[in-house]
Amino acid sequence: TLLVVNALFYAEDGMTQAEICRRTFQSKQTVNLIIKNLLKDGYVTVAGVPENKRNKIVRMTGSGKAYCEKVVRHITWAEDTAMSMFTPKEQEQLIALSRTFTKNLAELINRETED
């Protein structure tokens, strides 16, 4: 839930469930369940996209932002602070390795769903 909430918190225009899946590396079923729970609690809205009825935009509501803000901002602060503890060279290495890992992971996930 935290990954989905974090993605939605910073997406001012909202995002589709497919975008949430791609960004968080979670399955459609998992994201759908999380969205349903957030919707039930009034933390998100779900609206259809006029040009594509199958896609729906998920947006965090004001009460959702208020509920999640403290946790999301704390996590963002912790991530930024942890990164600043590395030297600039270490930061570059971490970012390069993270990009390679993310690319490899995405390729493997896509290959698995294609088989």
PDB file of N, CA and C in Angstrom:
ATOM      1  N   THR A   1       0.826  -1.195   0.000  1.00  0.00           N
ATOM      2  CA  THR A   1       0.000   0.000   0.000  1.00  0.00           C
ATOM      3  C   THR A   1       0.865   1.251   0.000  1.00  0.00           C
ATOM      4  N   LEU A   2       1.958   1.214   0.739  1.00  0.00           N
ATOM      5  CA  LEU A   2       2.805   2.395   0.857  1.00  0.00           C
ATOM      6  C   LEU A   2       3.384   2.829  -0.484  1.00  0.00           C
ATOM      7  N   LEU A   3       3.786   1.893  -1.322  1.00  0.00           N
ATOM      8  CA  LEU A   3       4.321   2.251  -2.639  1.00  0.00           C
ATOM      9  C   LEU A   3       3.262   2.931  -3.497  1.00  0.00           C
ATOM     10  N   VAL A   4       2.039   2.423  -3.457  1.00  0.00           N
ATOM     11  CA  VAL A   4       0.940   3.002  -4.242  1.00  0.00           C
ATOM     12  C   VAL A   4       0.608   4.388  -3.720  1.00  0.00           C
ATOM     13  N   VAL A   5       0.496   4.522  -2.410  1.00  0.00           N
ATOM     14  CA  VAL A   5       0.185   5.815  -1.798  1.00  0.00           C
ATOM     15  C   VAL A   5       1.271   6.829  -2.137  1.00  0.00           C
ATOM     16  N   ASN A   6       2.524   6.416  -2.068  1.00  0.00           N
ATOM     17  CA  ASN A   6       3.629   7.316  -2.388  1.00  0.00           C
ATOM     18  C   ASN A   6       3.554   7.787  -3.838  1.00  0.00           C
ATOM     19  N   ALA A   7       3.282   6.879  -4.753  1.00  0.00           N
ATOM     20  CA  ALA A   7       3.174   7.249  -6.170  1.00  0.00           C
ATOM     21  C   ALA A   7       2.025   8.226  -6.390  1.00  0.00           C
ATOM     22  N   LEU A   8       0.873   7.943  -5.796  1.00  0.00           N
ATOM     23  CA  LEU A   8      -0.299   8.805  -5.978  1.00  0.00           C
ATOM     24  C   LEU A   8      -0.129  10.156  -5.299  1.00  0.00           C
ATOM     25  N   PHE A   9       0.535  10.182  -4.171  1.00  0.00           N
ATOM     26  CA  PHE A   9       0.714  11.420  -3.418  1.00  0.00           C
ATOM     27  C   PHE A   9       1.399  12.481  -4.275  1.00  0.00           C
ATOM     28  N   TYR A  10       2.392  12.080  -5.045  1.00  0.00           N
ATOM     29  CA  TYR A  10       3.161  13.028  -5.854  1.00  0.00           C
ATOM     30  C   TYR A  10       2.626  13.187  -7.279  1.00  0.00           C
ATOM     31  N   ALA A  11       1.601  12.445  -7.654  1.00  0.00           N
ATOM     32  CA  ALA A  11       1.022  12.535  -9.005  1.00  0.00           C
ATOM     33  C   ALA A  11      -0.157  13.509  -8.969  1.00  0.00           C
ATOM     34  N   GLU A  12       0.118  14.776  -9.184  1.00  0.00           N
ATOM     35  CA  GLU A  12      -0.919  15.804  -9.063  1.00  0.00           C
ATOM     36  C   GLU A  12      -2.088  15.577 -10.011  1.00  0.00           C
ATOM     37  N   ASP A  13      -1.816  15.074 -11.204  1.00  0.00           N
ATOM     38  CA  ASP A  13      -2.884  14.830 -12.176  1.00  0.00           C
ATOM     39  C   ASP A  13      -3.425  13.412 -12.078  1.00  0.00           C
ATOM     40  N   GLY A  14      -2.964  12.657 -11.094  1.00  0.00           N
ATOM     41  CA  GLY A  14      -3.374  11.273 -10.961  1.00  0.00           C
ATOM     42  C   GLY A  14      -2.621  10.391 -11.940  1.00  0.00           C
ATOM     43  N   MET A  15      -2.961   9.110 -11.929  1.00  0.00           N
ATOM     44  CA  MET A  15      -2.342   8.168 -12.857  1.00  0.00           C
ATOM     45  C   MET A  15      -3.253   6.967 -13.017  1.00  0.00           C
ATOM     46  N   THR A  16      -3.064   6.257 -14.104  1.00  0.00           N
ATOM     47  CA  THR A  16      -3.874   5.064 -14.340  1.00  0.00           C
ATOM     48  C   THR A  16      -3.352   3.924 -13.467  1.00  0.00           C
ATOM     49  N   GLN A  17      -4.189   2.908 -13.304  1.00  0.00           N
ATOM     50  CA  GLN A  17      -3.750   1.744 -12.539  1.00  0.00           C
ATOM     51  C   GLN A  17      -2.567   1.065 -13.228  1.00  0.00           C
ATOM     52  N   ALA A  18      -2.554   1.092 -14.553  1.00  0.00           N
ATOM     53  CA  ALA A  18      -1.422   0.507 -15.289  1.00  0.00           C
ATOM     54  C   ALA A  18      -0.130   1.257 -14.967  1.00  0.00           C
ATOM     55  N   GLU A  19      -0.216   2.593 -14.891  1.00  0.00           N
ATOM     56  CA  GLU A  19       0.968   3.385 -14.532  1.00  0.00           C
ATOM     57  C   GLU A  19       1.435   3.053 -13.115  1.00  0.00           C
ATOM     58  N   ILE A  20       0.477   2.890 -12.216  1.00  0.00           N
ATOM     59  CA  ILE A  20       0.822   2.541 -10.834  1.00  0.00           C
ATOM     60  C   ILE A  20       1.533   1.189 -10.803  1.00  0.00           C
ATOM     61  N   CYS A  21       1.024   0.229 -11.555  1.00  0.00           N
ATOM     62  CA  CYS A  21       1.659  -1.099 -11.629  1.00  0.00           C
ATOM     63  C   CYS A  21       3.095  -0.989 -12.122  1.00  0.00           C
ATOM     64  N   ARG A  22       3.299  -0.227 -13.198  1.00  0.00           N
ATOM     65  CA  ARG A  22       4.646  -0.068 -13.759  1.00  0.00           C
ATOM     66  C   ARG A  22       5.576   0.611 -12.757  1.00  0.00           C
ATOM     67  N   ARG A  23       5.082   1.628 -12.098  1.00  0.00           N
ATOM     68  CA  ARG A  23       5.930   2.401 -11.194  1.00  0.00           C
ATOM     69  C   ARG A  23       6.271   1.637  -9.914  1.00  0.00           C
ATOM     70  N   THR A  24       5.356   0.802  -9.450  1.00  0.00           N
ATOM     71  CA  THR A  24       5.563   0.115  -8.171  1.00  0.00           C
ATOM     72  C   THR A  24       5.952  -1.354  -8.322  1.00  0.00           C
ATOM     73  N   PHE A  25       5.950  -1.866  -9.561  1.00  0.00           N
ATOM     74  CA  PHE A  25       6.261  -3.271  -9.835  1.00  0.00           C
ATOM     75  C   PHE A  25       5.309  -4.213  -9.098  1.00  0.00           C
ATOM     76  N   GLN A  26       4.051  -3.807  -8.990  1.00  0.00           N
ATOM     77  CA  GLN A  26       3.038  -4.650  -8.359  1.00  0.00           C
ATOM     78  C   GLN A  26       2.057  -5.131  -9.417  1.00  0.00           C
ATOM     79  N   SER A  27       1.413  -6.249  -9.129  1.00  0.00           N
ATOM     80  CA  SER A  27       0.468  -6.828 -10.085  1.00  0.00           C
ATOM     81  C   SER A  27      -0.803  -5.991 -10.174  1.00  0.00           C
ATOM     82  N   LYS A  28      -1.541  -6.184 -11.276  1.00  0.00           N
ATOM     83  CA  LYS A  28      -2.823  -5.490 -11.452  1.00  0.00           C
ATOM     84  C   LYS A  28      -3.773  -5.817 -10.314  1.00  0.00           C
ATOM     85  N   GLN A  29      -3.793  -7.078  -9.915  1.00  0.00           N
ATOM     86  CA  GLN A  29      -4.702  -7.508  -8.855  1.00  0.00           C
ATOM     87  C   GLN A  29      -4.373  -6.818  -7.532  1.00  0.00           C
ATOM     88  N   THR A  30      -3.095  -6.737  -7.210  1.00  0.00           N
ATOM     89  CA  THR A  30      -2.673  -6.091  -5.964  1.00  0.00           C
ATOM     90  C   THR A  30      -3.031  -4.617  -5.977  1.00  0.00           C
ATOM     91  N   VAL A  31      -2.701  -3.935  -7.075  1.00  0.00           N
ATOM     92  CA  VAL A  31      -3.000  -2.503  -7.180  1.00  0.00           C
ATOM     93  C   VAL A  31      -4.501  -2.277  -7.133  1.00  0.00           C
ATOM     94  N   ASN A  32      -5.266  -3.108  -7.816  1.00  0.00           N
ATOM     95  CA  ASN A  32      -6.720  -2.962  -7.818  1.00  0.00           C
ATOM     96  C   ASN A  32      -7.285  -3.085  -6.399  1.00  0.00           C
ATOM     97  N   LEU A  33      -6.797  -4.042  -5.634  1.00  0.00           N
ATOM     98  CA  LEU A  33      -7.259  -4.228  -4.258  1.00  0.00           C
ATOM     99  C   LEU A  33      -6.904  -3.020  -3.390  1.00  0.00           C
ATOM    100  N   ILE A  34      -5.693  -2.524  -3.536  1.00  0.00           N
ATOM    101  CA  ILE A  34      -5.264  -1.348  -2.771  1.00  0.00           C
ATOM    102  C   ILE A  34      -6.130  -0.147  -3.127  1.00  0.00           C
ATOM    103  N   ILE A  35      -6.377   0.065  -4.432  1.00  0.00           N
ATOM    104  CA  ILE A  35      -7.207   1.190  -4.883  1.00  0.00           C
ATOM    105  C   ILE A  35      -8.619   1.059  -4.324  1.00  0.00           C
ATOM    106  N   LYS A  36      -9.178  -0.144  -4.350  1.00  0.00           N
ATOM    107  CA  LYS A  36     -10.532  -0.346  -3.803  1.00  0.00           C
ATOM    108  C   LYS A  36     -10.593   0.040  -2.329  1.00  0.00           C
ATOM    109  N   ASN A  37      -9.580  -0.351  -1.571  1.00  0.00           N
ATOM    110  CA  ASN A  37      -9.553  -0.005  -0.147  1.00  0.00           C
ATOM    111  C   ASN A  37      -9.391   1.495   0.066  1.00  0.00           C
ATOM    112  N   LEU A  38      -8.523   2.123  -0.710  1.00  0.00           N
ATOM    113  CA  LEU A  38      -8.346   3.573  -0.602  1.00  0.00           C
ATOM    114  C   LEU A  38      -9.617   4.309  -1.017  1.00  0.00           C
ATOM    115  N   LEU A  39     -10.301   3.794  -2.031  1.00  0.00           N
ATOM    116  CA  LEU A  39     -11.557   4.383  -2.507  1.00  0.00           C
ATOM    117  C   LEU A  39     -12.635   4.276  -1.425  1.00  0.00           C
ATOM    118  N   LYS A  40     -12.721   3.107  -0.816  1.00  0.00           N
ATOM    119  CA  LYS A  40     -13.705   2.870   0.248  1.00  0.00           C
ATOM    120  C   LYS A  40     -13.493   3.840   1.416  1.00  0.00           C
ATOM    121  N   ASP A  41     -12.229   4.149   1.713  1.00  0.00           N
ATOM    122  CA  ASP A  41     -11.904   5.057   2.809  1.00  0.00           C
ATOM    123  C   ASP A  41     -11.976   6.526   2.406  1.00  0.00           C
ATOM    124  N   GLY A  42     -12.251   6.790   1.117  1.00  0.00           N
ATOM    125  CA  GLY A  42     -12.365   8.163   0.641  1.00  0.00           C
ATOM    126  C   GLY A  42     -11.039   8.848   0.384  1.00  0.00           C
ATOM    127  N   TYR A  43      -9.962   8.071   0.255  1.00  0.00           N
ATOM    128  CA  TYR A  43      -8.639   8.648   0.057  1.00  0.00           C
ATOM    129  C   TYR A  43      -8.285   8.864  -1.409  1.00  0.00           C
ATOM    130  N   VAL A  44      -9.012   8.224  -2.318  1.00  0.00           N
ATOM    131  CA  VAL A  44      -8.788   8.412  -3.751  1.00  0.00           C
ATOM    132  C   VAL A  44     -10.126   8.513  -4.470  1.00  0.00           C
ATOM    133  N   THR A  45     -10.057   9.056  -5.685  1.00  0.00           N
ATOM    134  CA  THR A  45     -11.195   9.009  -6.603  1.00  0.00           C
ATOM    135  C   THR A  45     -10.737   8.248  -7.836  1.00  0.00           C
ATOM    136  N   VAL A  46     -11.689   7.652  -8.520  1.00  0.00           N
ATOM    137  CA  VAL A  46     -11.397   6.928  -9.756  1.00  0.00           C
ATOM    138  C   VAL A  46     -12.348   7.463 -10.811  1.00  0.00           C
ATOM    139  N   ALA A  47     -11.779   7.977 -11.908  1.00  0.00           N
ATOM    140  CA  ALA A  47     -12.597   8.555 -12.976  1.00  0.00           C
ATOM    141  C   ALA A  47     -12.183   7.969 -14.314  1.00  0.00           C
ATOM    142  N   GLY A  48     -13.164   7.746 -15.168  1.00  0.00           N
ATOM    143  CA  GLY A  48     -12.891   7.221 -16.500  1.00  0.00           C
ATOM    144  C   GLY A  48     -12.161   8.227 -17.369  1.00  0.00           C
ATOM    145  N   VAL A  49     -11.443   7.714 -18.332  1.00  0.00           N
ATOM    146  CA  VAL A  49     -10.755   8.543 -19.321  1.00  0.00           C
ATOM    147  C   VAL A  49     -11.648   8.576 -20.555  1.00  0.00           C
ATOM    148  N   PRO A  50     -12.092   9.770 -21.001  1.00  0.00           N
ATOM    149  CA  PRO A  50     -13.040   9.843 -22.120  1.00  0.00           C
ATOM    150  C   PRO A  50     -12.576   9.119 -23.385  1.00  0.00           C
ATOM    151  N   GLU A  51     -11.286   9.224 -23.718  1.00  0.00           N
ATOM    152  CA  GLU A  51     -10.815   8.606 -24.958  1.00  0.00           C
ATOM    153  C   GLU A  51     -10.610   7.104 -24.847  1.00  0.00           C
ATOM    154  N   ASN A  52     -10.591   6.578 -23.637  1.00  0.00           N
ATOM    155  CA  ASN A  52     -10.399   5.137 -23.453  1.00  0.00           C
ATOM    156  C   ASN A  52     -11.150   4.693 -22.203  1.00  0.00           C
ATOM    157  N   LYS A  53     -12.307   4.129 -22.396  1.00  0.00           N
ATOM    158  CA  LYS A  53     -13.184   3.748 -21.279  1.00  0.00           C
ATOM    159  C   LYS A  53     -12.548   2.698 -20.359  1.00  0.00           C
ATOM    160  N   ARG A  54     -11.613   1.922 -20.874  1.00  0.00           N
ATOM    161  CA  ARG A  54     -10.992   0.880 -20.054  1.00  0.00           C
ATOM    162  C   ARG A  54     -10.000   1.450 -19.050  1.00  0.00           C
ATOM    163  N   ASN A  55      -9.427   2.608 -19.369  1.00  0.00           N
ATOM    164  CA  ASN A  55      -8.478   3.242 -18.450  1.00  0.00           C
ATOM    165  C   ASN A  55      -9.210   4.140 -17.477  1.00  0.00           C
ATOM    166  N   LYS A  56      -8.763   4.120 -16.247  1.00  0.00           N
ATOM    167  CA  LYS A  56      -9.328   4.987 -15.230  1.00  0.00           C
ATOM    168  C   LYS A  56      -8.183   5.720 -14.539  1.00  0.00           C
ATOM    169  N   ILE A  57      -8.417   7.010 -14.284  1.00  0.00           N
ATOM    170  CA  ILE A  57      -7.418   7.821 -13.591  1.00  0.00           C
ATOM    171  C   ILE A  57      -7.707   7.778 -12.095  1.00  0.00           C
ATOM    172  N   VAL A  58      -6.694   7.456 -11.326  1.00  0.00           N
ATOM    173  CA  VAL A  58      -6.808   7.431  -9.868  1.00  0.00           C
ATOM    174  C   VAL A  58      -6.134   8.696  -9.340  1.00  0.00           C
ATOM    175  N   ARG A  59      -6.869   9.435  -8.520  1.00  0.00           N
ATOM    176  CA  ARG A  59      -6.333  10.663  -7.925  1.00  0.00           C
ATOM    177  C   ARG A  59      -6.526  10.616  -6.417  1.00  0.00           C
ATOM    178  N   MET A  60      -5.560  11.137  -5.702  1.00  0.00           N
ATOM    179  CA  MET A  60      -5.679  11.213  -4.254  1.00  0.00           C
ATOM    180  C   MET A  60      -6.579  12.396  -3.903  1.00  0.00           C
ATOM    181  N   THR A  61      -7.485  12.195  -2.960  1.00  0.00           N
ATOM    182  CA  THR A  61      -8.371  13.266  -2.506  1.00  0.00           C
ATOM    183  C   THR A  61      -7.637  14.126  -1.479  1.00  0.00           C
ATOM    184  N   GLY A  62      -8.252  15.233  -1.127  1.00  0.00           N
ATOM    185  CA  GLY A  62      -7.681  16.085  -0.089  1.00  0.00           C
ATOM    186  C   GLY A  62      -7.516  15.337   1.220  1.00  0.00           C
ATOM    187  N   SER A  63      -8.524  14.550   1.584  1.00  0.00           N
ATOM    188  CA  SER A  63      -8.422  13.790   2.835  1.00  0.00           C
ATOM    189  C   SER A  63      -7.365  12.693   2.717  1.00  0.00           C
ATOM    190  N   GLY A  64      -7.198  12.138   1.523  1.00  0.00           N
ATOM    191  CA  GLY A  64      -6.151  11.144   1.311  1.00  0.00           C
ATOM    192  C   GLY A  64      -4.773  11.755   1.465  1.00  0.00           C
ATOM    193  N   LYS A  65      -4.593  12.942   0.888  1.00  0.00           N
ATOM    194  CA  LYS A  65      -3.300  13.632   1.017  1.00  0.00           C
ATOM    195  C   LYS A  65      -3.016  13.968   2.474  1.00  0.00           C
ATOM    196  N   ALA A  66      -4.045  14.463   3.172  1.00  0.00           N
ATOM    197  CA  ALA A  66      -3.864  14.818   4.583  1.00  0.00           C
ATOM    198  C   ALA A  66      -3.503  13.590   5.410  1.00  0.00           C
ATOM    199  N   TYR A  67      -4.176  12.482   5.145  1.00  0.00           N
ATOM    200  CA  TYR A  67      -3.941  11.244   5.888  1.00  0.00           C
ATOM    201  C   TYR A  67      -2.527  10.711   5.643  1.00  0.00           C
ATOM    202  N   CYS A  68      -2.053  10.796   4.415  1.00  0.00           N
ATOM    203  CA  CYS A  68      -0.786  10.178   4.024  1.00  0.00           C
ATOM    204  C   CYS A  68       0.412  11.113   4.115  1.00  0.00           C
ATOM    205  N   GLU A  69       0.163  12.409   4.218  1.00  0.00           N
ATOM    206  CA  GLU A  69       1.253  13.375   4.091  1.00  0.00           C
ATOM    207  C   GLU A  69       2.391  13.142   5.080  1.00  0.00           C
ATOM    208  N   LYS A  70       2.079  12.956   6.329  1.00  0.00           N
ATOM    209  CA  LYS A  70       3.133  12.811   7.338  1.00  0.00           C
ATOM    210  C   LYS A  70       4.036  11.624   7.028  1.00  0.00           C
ATOM    211  N   VAL A  71       3.446  10.495   6.706  1.00  0.00           N
ATOM    212  CA  VAL A  71       4.227   9.286   6.423  1.00  0.00           C
ATOM    213  C   VAL A  71       5.027   9.448   5.137  1.00  0.00           C
ATOM    214  N   VAL A  72       4.371   9.933   4.079  1.00  0.00           N
ATOM    215  CA  VAL A  72       5.052  10.068   2.786  1.00  0.00           C
ATOM    216  C   VAL A  72       6.188  11.083   2.879  1.00  0.00           C
ATOM    217  N   ARG A  73       5.937  12.204   3.518  1.00  0.00           N
ATOM    218  CA  ARG A  73       6.996  13.219   3.648  1.00  0.00           C
ATOM    219  C   ARG A  73       8.159  12.690   4.497  1.00  0.00           C
ATOM    220  N   HIS A  74       7.856  11.910   5.523  1.00  0.00           N
ATOM    221  CA  HIS A  74       8.919  11.341   6.358  1.00  0.00           C
ATOM    222  C   HIS A  74       9.776  10.371   5.542  1.00  0.00           C
ATOM    223  N   ILE A  75       9.132   9.545   4.744  1.00  0.00           N
ATOM    224  CA  ILE A  75       9.871   8.599   3.904  1.00  0.00           C
ATOM    225  C   ILE A  75      10.733   9.350   2.893  1.00  0.00           C
ATOM    226  N   THR A  76      10.175  10.395   2.289  1.00  0.00           N
ATOM    227  CA  THR A  76      10.938  11.200   1.330  1.00  0.00           C
ATOM    228  C   THR A  76      12.152  11.826   2.010  1.00  0.00           C
ATOM    229  N   TRP A  77      11.943  12.373   3.198  1.00  0.00           N
ATOM    230  CA  TRP A  77      13.052  12.959   3.955  1.00  0.00           C
ATOM    231  C   TRP A  77      14.117  11.898   4.247  1.00  0.00           C
ATOM    232  N   ALA A  78      13.687  10.723   4.701  1.00  0.00           N
ATOM    233  CA  ALA A  78      14.631   9.659   5.038  1.00  0.00           C
ATOM    234  C   ALA A  78      15.429   9.226   3.808  1.00  0.00           C
ATOM    235  N   GLU A  79      14.747   9.095   2.660  1.00  0.00           N
ATOM    236  CA  GLU A  79      15.448   8.718   1.424  1.00  0.00           C
ATOM    237  C   GLU A  79      16.475   9.776   1.042  1.00  0.00           C
ATOM    238  N   ASP A  80      16.066  11.041   1.084  1.00  0.00           N
ATOM    239  CA  ASP A  80      16.977  12.134   0.727  1.00  0.00           C
ATOM    240  C   ASP A  80      18.166  12.200   1.681  1.00  0.00           C
ATOM    241  N   THR A  81      17.898  12.039   2.967  1.00  0.00           N
ATOM    242  CA  THR A  81      18.967  12.096   3.962  1.00  0.00           C
ATOM    243  C   THR A  81      19.929  10.923   3.796  1.00  0.00           C
ATOM    244  N   ALA A  82      19.387   9.734   3.589  1.00  0.00           N
ATOM    245  CA  ALA A  82      20.239   8.556   3.391  1.00  0.00           C
ATOM    246  C   ALA A  82      21.123   8.737   2.158  1.00  0.00           C
ATOM    247  N   MET A  83      20.558   9.287   1.086  1.00  0.00           N
ATOM    248  CA  MET A  83      21.342   9.516  -0.136  1.00  0.00           C
ATOM    249  C   MET A  83      22.453  10.531   0.126  1.00  0.00           C
ATOM    250  N   SER A  84      22.158  11.554   0.914  1.00  0.00           N
ATOM    251  CA  SER A  84      23.166  12.591   1.171  1.00  0.00           C
ATOM    252  C   SER A  84      24.325  12.071   2.019  1.00  0.00           C
ATOM    253  N   MET A  85      24.171  10.914   2.621  1.00  0.00           N
ATOM    254  CA  MET A  85      25.243  10.332   3.427  1.00  0.00           C
ATOM    255  C   MET A  85      26.311   9.664   2.559  1.00  0.00           C
ATOM    256  N   PHE A  86      26.004   9.467   1.276  1.00  0.00           N
ATOM    257  CA  PHE A  86      26.979   8.940   0.330  1.00  0.00           C
ATOM    258  C   PHE A  86      27.814  10.084  -0.229  1.00  0.00           C
ATOM    259  N   THR A  87      29.016   9.759  -0.664  1.00  0.00           N
ATOM    260  CA  THR A  87      29.812  10.739  -1.397  1.00  0.00           C
ATOM    261  C   THR A  87      29.175  10.920  -2.774  1.00  0.00           C
ATOM    262  N   PRO A  88      29.498  12.008  -3.471  1.00  0.00           N
ATOM    263  CA  PRO A  88      28.951  12.170  -4.825  1.00  0.00           C
ATOM    264  C   PRO A  88      29.262  10.975  -5.735  1.00  0.00           C
ATOM    265  N   LYS A  89      30.457  10.421  -5.632  1.00  0.00           N
ATOM    266  CA  LYS A  89      30.818   9.261  -6.460  1.00  0.00           C
ATOM    267  C   LYS A  89      29.953   8.052  -6.093  1.00  0.00           C
ATOM    268  N   GLU A  90      29.741   7.818  -4.809  1.00  0.00           N
ATOM    269  CA  GLU A  90      28.892   6.711  -4.371  1.00  0.00           C
ATOM    270  C   GLU A  90      27.448   6.908  -4.838  1.00  0.00           C
ATOM    271  N   GLN A  91      26.978   8.149  -4.813  1.00  0.00           N
ATOM    272  CA  GLN A  91      25.623   8.445  -5.294  1.00  0.00           C
ATOM    273  C   GLN A  91      25.492   8.080  -6.768  1.00  0.00           C
ATOM    274  N   GLU A  92      26.489   8.468  -7.570  1.00  0.00           N
ATOM    275  CA  GLU A  92      26.476   8.143  -9.001  1.00  0.00           C
ATOM    276  C   GLU A  92      26.466   6.633  -9.211  1.00  0.00           C
ATOM    277  N   GLN A  93      27.284   5.915  -8.446  1.00  0.00           N
ATOM    278  CA  GLN A  93      27.339   4.454  -8.568  1.00  0.00           C
ATOM    279  C   GLN A  93      25.999   3.827  -8.200  1.00  0.00           C
ATOM    280  N   LEU A  94      25.408   4.292  -7.108  1.00  0.00           N
ATOM    281  CA  LEU A  94      24.121   3.754  -6.667  1.00  0.00           C
ATOM    282  C   LEU A  94      23.043   3.998  -7.714  1.00  0.00           C
ATOM    283  N   ILE A  95      23.008   5.198  -8.254  1.00  0.00           N
ATOM    284  CA  ILE A  95      21.999   5.528  -9.270  1.00  0.00           C
ATOM    285  C   ILE A  95      22.197   4.673 -10.514  1.00  0.00           C
ATOM    286  N   ALA A  96      23.442   4.523 -10.951  1.00  0.00           N
ATOM    287  CA  ALA A  96      23.718   3.705 -12.141  1.00  0.00           C
ATOM    288  C   ALA A  96      23.309   2.252 -11.909  1.00  0.00           C
ATOM    289  N   LEU A  97      23.655   1.708 -10.768  1.00  0.00           N
ATOM    290  CA  LEU A  97      23.281   0.323 -10.459  1.00  0.00           C
ATOM    291  C   LEU A  97      21.770   0.175 -10.318  1.00  0.00           C
ATOM    292  N   SER A  98      21.125   1.154  -9.712  1.00  0.00           N
ATOM    293  CA  SER A  98      19.664   1.104  -9.555  1.00  0.00           C
ATOM    294  C   SER A  98      18.964   1.137 -10.904  1.00  0.00           C
ATOM    295  N   ARG A  99      19.472   1.956 -11.818  1.00  0.00           N
ATOM    296  CA  ARG A  99      18.880   2.014 -13.160  1.00  0.00           C
ATOM    297  C   ARG A  99      19.030   0.676 -13.873  1.00  0.00           C
ATOM    298  N   THR A 100      20.210   0.088 -13.776  1.00  0.00           N
ATOM    299  CA  THR A 100      20.440  -1.210 -14.407  1.00  0.00           C
ATOM    300  C   THR A 100      19.540  -2.270 -13.786  1.00  0.00           C
ATOM    301  N   PHE A 101      19.436  -2.276 -12.470  1.00  0.00           N
ATOM    302  CA  PHE A 101      18.573  -3.230 -11.777  1.00  0.00           C
ATOM    303  C   PHE A 101      17.122  -3.064 -12.213  1.00  0.00           C
ATOM    304  N   THR A 102      16.639  -1.826 -12.256  1.00  0.00           N
ATOM    305  CA  THR A 102      15.249  -1.558 -12.639  1.00  0.00           C
ATOM    306  C   THR A 102      14.986  -2.002 -14.067  1.00  0.00           C
ATOM    307  N   LYS A 103      15.923  -1.725 -14.970  1.00  0.00           N
ATOM    308  CA  LYS A 103      15.789  -2.150 -16.369  1.00  0.00           C
ATOM    309  C   LYS A 103      15.732  -3.671 -16.453  1.00  0.00           C
ATOM    310  N   ASN A 104      16.647  -4.347 -15.770  1.00  0.00           N
ATOM    311  CA  ASN A 104      16.665  -5.814 -15.785  1.00  0.00           C
ATOM    312  C   ASN A 104      15.391  -6.391 -15.184  1.00  0.00           C
ATOM    313  N   LEU A 105      14.942  -5.826 -14.080  1.00  0.00           N
ATOM    314  CA  LEU A 105      13.734  -6.308 -13.424  1.00  0.00           C
ATOM    315  C   LEU A 105      12.521  -6.131 -14.329  1.00  0.00           C
ATOM    316  N   ALA A 106      12.402  -4.973 -14.955  1.00  0.00           N
ATOM    317  CA  ALA A 106      11.273  -4.719 -15.853  1.00  0.00           C
ATOM    318  C   ALA A 106      11.273  -5.702 -17.022  1.00  0.00           C
ATOM    319  N   GLU A 107      12.452  -5.960 -17.591  1.00  0.00           N
ATOM    320  CA  GLU A 107      12.540  -6.914 -18.698  1.00  0.00           C
ATOM    321  C   GLU A 107      12.109  -8.308 -18.259  1.00  0.00           C
ATOM    322  N   LEU A 108      12.539  -8.728 -17.089  1.00  0.00           N
ATOM    323  CA  LEU A 108      12.170 -10.055 -16.588  1.00  0.00           C
ATOM    324  C   LEU A 108      10.681 -10.147 -16.272  1.00  0.00           C
ATOM    325  N   ILE A 109      10.136  -9.107 -15.699  1.00  0.00           N
ATOM    326  CA  ILE A 109       8.701  -9.095 -15.394  1.00  0.00           C
ATOM    327  C   ILE A 109       7.900  -9.156 -16.682  1.00  0.00           C
ATOM    328  N   ASN A 110       8.280  -8.363 -17.665  1.00  0.00           N
ATOM    329  CA  ASN A 110       7.569  -8.362 -18.947  1.00  0.00           C
ATOM    330  C   ASN A 110       7.712  -9.696 -19.664  1.00  0.00           C
ATOM    331  N   ARG A 111       8.873 -10.297 -19.598  1.00  0.00           N
ATOM    332  CA  ARG A 111       9.091 -11.599 -20.232  1.00  0.00           C
ATOM    333  C   ARG A 111       8.198 -12.647 -19.574  1.00  0.00           C
ATOM    334  N   GLU A 112       8.091 -12.616 -18.265  1.00  0.00           N
ATOM    335  CA  GLU A 112       7.272 -13.579 -17.526  1.00  0.00           C
ATOM    336  C   GLU A 112       5.807 -13.454 -17.914  1.00  0.00           C
ATOM    337  N   THR A 113       5.308 -12.232 -18.080  1.00  0.00           N
ATOM    338  CA  THR A 113       3.896 -12.053 -18.419  1.00  0.00           C
ATOM    339  C   THR A 113       3.626 -12.374 -19.877  1.00  0.00           C
ATOM    340  N   GLU A 114       4.660 -12.324 -20.724  1.00  0.00           N
ATOM    341  CA  GLU A 114       4.483 -12.635 -22.140  1.00  0.00           C
ATOM    342  C   GLU A 114       4.452 -14.141 -22.377  1.00  0.00           C
ATOM    343  N   ASP A 115       5.101 -14.916 -21.512  1.00  0.00           N
ATOM    344  CA  ASP A 115       5.165 -16.379 -21.697  1.00  0.00           C
ATOM    345  C   ASP A 115       3.856 -17.050 -21.384  1.00  0.00           C
TER     346      ASP A 115
END
